[in-house]
Amino acid sequence: MGQQSYHHGDLRRALLAAAAEAIDESGPAAVSLRDLARRTGVSHAAPQHHFGDKAGLLTALAVEGYELLAQALEQGGGDLLEVGMAYVRFAAEHRAHFEVMFQPSLYHADAAEVGAAQARTRYALQGGLRGVTVADGQQAHASLAAWSIVHGFATLWLAGALPPELGDDPAEAARPVIQLLFD
């Protein structure tokens, strides 16, 4: 979006896209409603009208991120490998959302819409374990292990901390790691 002016359509959506762009450039701490107004070519009061404050904006971005992640995970069809790869792919393709979603101090983490979006995402992530045999009473631990593996891999990928010989496709690089999880 850059320096383009906002002309028509969904201003809320345009502001969220500008926020994601700003976070990609400088991280969530650098986002300001005034900068988003400048980026979208609207009055400095327009973002405040839609979100109230920066935490409100980041709440909306986190909710959007959880919804997008849930959609990606649901496409994995209940297969642990596909769900895990979708998680890593989401983090790489939606870095700004990913950075905000897992920093609840940045947004209104107690908002009902956040809880609902997180629950949908959690259910979709657990869907990858439905076809996996887990010892009685270990379902919660298995779910936490799966999430830890894919989230940790995604975080390391985004930080540039993994060996370059893994290639340039984060989901394919994660494949053998995820496959080890319950073999």
Protein backbone atom coordinates (compact mmCIF):
# COMPACT_ATOMS: atom_id res chain seq x y z
CA MET A 1 0.00 0.00 0.00
CA GLY A 2 2.86 2.38 0.80
CA GLN A 3 2.07 6.06 0.18
CA GLN A 4 -1.15 5.40 -1.76
CA SER A 5 -4.25 7.25 -0.69
CA TYR A 6 -7.37 5.45 0.40
CA HIS A 7 -10.26 6.26 -1.94
CA HIS A 8 -13.14 3.84 -1.50
CA GLY A 9 -14.18 0.51 -0.14
CA ASP A 10 -13.48 -0.91 3.28
CA LEU A 11 -11.37 1.54 5.30
CA ARG A 12 -11.11 -0.88 8.22
CA ARG A 13 -9.61 -3.51 5.90
CA ALA A 14 -7.25 -0.94 4.36
CA LEU A 15 -6.05 0.13 7.82
CA LEU A 16 -5.40 -3.49 8.84
CA ALA A 17 -3.44 -4.07 5.63
CA ALA A 18 -1.41 -0.91 6.28
CA ALA A 19 -0.77 -2.08 9.85
CA ALA A 20 0.51 -5.45 8.60
CA GLU A 21 2.78 -3.64 6.14
CA ALA A 22 4.13 -1.36 8.89
CA ILE A 23 4.76 -4.32 11.20
CA ASP A 24 6.58 -6.16 8.41
CA GLU A 25 8.81 -3.11 8.02
CA SER A 26 9.50 -2.15 11.62
CA GLY A 27 7.77 -4.52 14.07
CA PRO A 28 4.63 -4.02 16.15
CA ALA A 29 6.15 -1.51 18.56
CA ALA A 30 6.62 1.04 15.76
CA VAL A 31 2.98 1.02 14.60
CA SER A 32 1.04 4.21 15.21
CA LEU A 33 -2.48 5.21 14.25
CA ARG A 34 -1.14 8.47 12.85
CA ASP A 35 1.25 6.59 10.55
CA LEU A 36 -1.57 4.33 9.38
CA ALA A 37 -3.67 7.40 8.59
CA ARG A 38 -0.77 8.79 6.55
CA ARG A 39 -0.25 5.47 4.75
CA THR A 40 -3.90 5.25 3.76
CA GLY A 41 -4.34 8.95 3.04
CA VAL A 42 -7.12 9.56 5.58
CA SER A 43 -7.50 11.96 8.49
CA HIS A 44 -5.55 11.14 11.63
CA ALA A 45 -8.88 10.56 13.42
CA ALA A 46 -10.08 7.84 11.01
CA PRO A 47 -8.06 4.94 12.51
CA GLN A 48 -9.10 6.00 16.01
CA HIS A 49 -12.73 5.99 14.90
CA HIS A 50 -12.40 2.35 13.75
CA PHE A 51 -10.17 0.93 16.49
CA GLY A 52 -10.12 3.36 19.42
CA ASP A 53 -6.41 3.02 20.08
CA LYS A 54 -3.33 1.08 19.05
CA ALA A 55 -4.31 -1.87 21.26
CA GLY A 56 -7.71 -1.94 19.55
CA LEU A 57 -6.04 -2.00 16.15
CA LEU A 58 -3.69 -4.80 17.20
CA THR A 59 -6.65 -6.70 18.70
CA ALA A 60 -8.35 -6.61 15.30
CA LEU A 61 -5.11 -7.72 13.62
CA ALA A 62 -4.69 -10.60 16.09
CA VAL A 63 -8.29 -11.73 15.54
CA GLU A 64 -7.80 -11.56 11.78
CA GLY A 65 -4.59 -13.57 12.18
CA TYR A 66 -6.23 -16.28 14.27
CA GLU A 67 -9.06 -16.55 11.74
CA LEU A 68 -6.62 -16.80 8.83
CA LEU A 69 -4.56 -19.39 10.70
CA ALA A 70 -7.65 -21.45 11.54
CA GLN A 71 -8.65 -21.44 7.86
CA ALA A 72 -5.17 -22.57 6.83
CA LEU A 73 -5.11 -25.34 9.44
CA GLU A 74 -8.61 -26.55 8.51
CA GLN A 75 -7.38 -27.08 4.96
CA GLY A 76 -4.94 -29.63 6.39
CA GLY A 77 -7.87 -32.01 6.61
CA GLY A 78 -7.02 -33.50 9.98
CA ASP A 79 -3.60 -34.77 8.85
CA LEU A 80 -0.90 -33.89 11.39
CA LEU A 81 1.78 -33.32 8.77
CA GLU A 82 -0.42 -31.10 6.58
CA VAL A 83 -1.73 -29.12 9.56
CA GLY A 84 1.80 -28.58 10.87
CA MET A 85 3.09 -27.49 7.50
CA ALA A 86 0.12 -25.12 7.13
CA TYR A 87 1.03 -23.54 10.48
CA VAL A 88 4.62 -22.89 9.41
CA ARG A 89 3.50 -21.64 5.98
CA PHE A 90 1.04 -19.25 7.65
CA ALA A 91 3.77 -17.79 9.88
CA ALA A 92 6.02 -17.16 6.87
CA GLU A 93 3.25 -15.67 4.72
CA HIS A 94 1.57 -13.62 7.48
CA ARG A 95 4.54 -12.57 9.56
CA ALA A 96 2.94 -9.39 10.93
CA HIS A 97 -0.14 -11.24 12.15
CA PHE A 98 2.02 -13.99 13.64
CA GLU A 99 4.18 -11.46 15.51
CA VAL A 100 1.13 -9.80 17.05
CA MET A 101 -0.94 -12.91 17.79
CA PHE A 102 1.55 -14.36 20.23
CA GLN A 103 2.28 -11.13 22.11
CA PRO A 104 -0.97 -10.69 24.06
CA SER A 105 0.46 -7.73 25.95
CA LEU A 106 0.07 -5.75 22.70
CA TYR A 107 -3.69 -6.12 22.43
CA HIS A 108 -6.90 -6.69 24.38
CA ALA A 109 -6.30 -10.40 24.94
CA ASP A 110 -9.44 -10.70 27.07
CA ALA A 111 -11.74 -9.50 24.26
CA ALA A 112 -14.45 -12.01 23.40
CA GLU A 113 -13.58 -11.99 19.70
CA VAL A 114 -9.97 -12.91 20.53
CA GLY A 115 -11.09 -15.85 22.66
CA ALA A 116 -13.44 -17.11 19.94
CA ALA A 117 -10.78 -16.84 17.23
CA GLN A 118 -8.19 -18.55 19.44
CA ALA A 119 -10.62 -21.38 20.22
CA ARG A 120 -11.28 -21.96 16.52
CA THR A 121 -7.55 -22.02 15.85
CA ARG A 122 -6.88 -24.37 18.77
CA TYR A 123 -9.59 -26.75 17.54
CA ALA A 124 -8.15 -26.69 14.01
CA LEU A 125 -4.64 -27.36 15.31
CA GLN A 126 -5.88 -30.25 17.44
CA GLY A 127 -7.57 -31.60 14.32
CA GLY A 128 -4.17 -32.73 13.15
CA LEU A 129 -4.00 -35.12 16.08
CA ARG A 130 -7.34 -36.82 15.42
CA GLY A 131 -5.72 -39.50 13.27
CA VAL A 132 -2.75 -40.01 15.60
CA THR A 133 -2.74 -42.68 18.30
CA VAL A 134 -1.95 -41.09 21.64
CA ALA A 135 -1.76 -42.87 25.00
CA ASP A 136 -4.78 -42.46 27.25
CA GLY A 137 -4.70 -39.20 29.15
CA GLN A 138 -1.94 -37.79 26.94
CA GLN A 139 -4.06 -35.91 24.39
CA ALA A 140 -3.42 -32.51 26.00
CA HIS A 141 0.33 -33.17 26.14
CA ALA A 142 0.37 -34.40 22.54
CA SER A 143 -1.46 -31.27 21.44
CA LEU A 144 1.00 -29.05 23.31
CA ALA A 145 3.94 -30.97 21.82
CA ALA A 146 2.60 -30.55 18.29
CA TRP A 147 1.97 -26.84 18.77
CA SER A 148 5.39 -26.34 20.38
CA ILE A 149 7.17 -28.02 17.49
CA VAL A 150 5.46 -26.10 14.70
CA HIS A 151 5.44 -22.78 16.56
CA GLY A 152 9.09 -23.15 17.53
CA PHE A 153 10.07 -24.05 13.99
CA ALA A 154 8.12 -21.11 12.59
CA THR A 155 9.67 -18.72 15.11
CA LEU A 156 13.18 -19.95 14.33
CA TRP A 157 12.47 -19.66 10.59
CA LEU A 158 11.26 -16.07 10.93
CA ALA A 159 14.29 -15.16 13.04
CA GLY A 160 16.62 -16.52 10.36
CA ALA A 161 18.13 -18.86 12.96
CA LEU A 162 17.87 -22.10 10.98
CA PRO A 163 20.61 -23.47 8.72
CA PRO A 164 20.46 -22.12 5.15
CA GLU A 165 20.72 -25.64 3.72
CA LEU A 166 17.08 -26.18 4.72
CA GLY A 167 16.15 -24.27 1.57
CA ASP A 168 13.73 -21.43 1.02
CA ASP A 169 10.37 -23.18 1.57
CA PRO A 170 9.55 -23.10 5.28
CA ALA A 171 6.78 -25.70 5.11
CA GLU A 172 8.94 -28.20 3.23
CA ALA A 173 11.83 -27.52 5.61
CA ALA A 174 9.50 -28.28 8.53
CA ARG A 175 8.19 -31.52 6.98
CA PRO A 176 10.84 -33.91 8.36
CA VAL A 177 10.71 -32.25 11.78
CA ILE A 178 6.94 -32.64 11.99
CA GLN A 179 7.14 -36.22 10.75
CA LEU A 180 9.37 -37.07 13.71
CA LEU A 181 6.72 -35.88 16.14
CA PHE A 182 4.64 -39.03 16.40
CA ASP A 183 6.53 -41.65 14.39
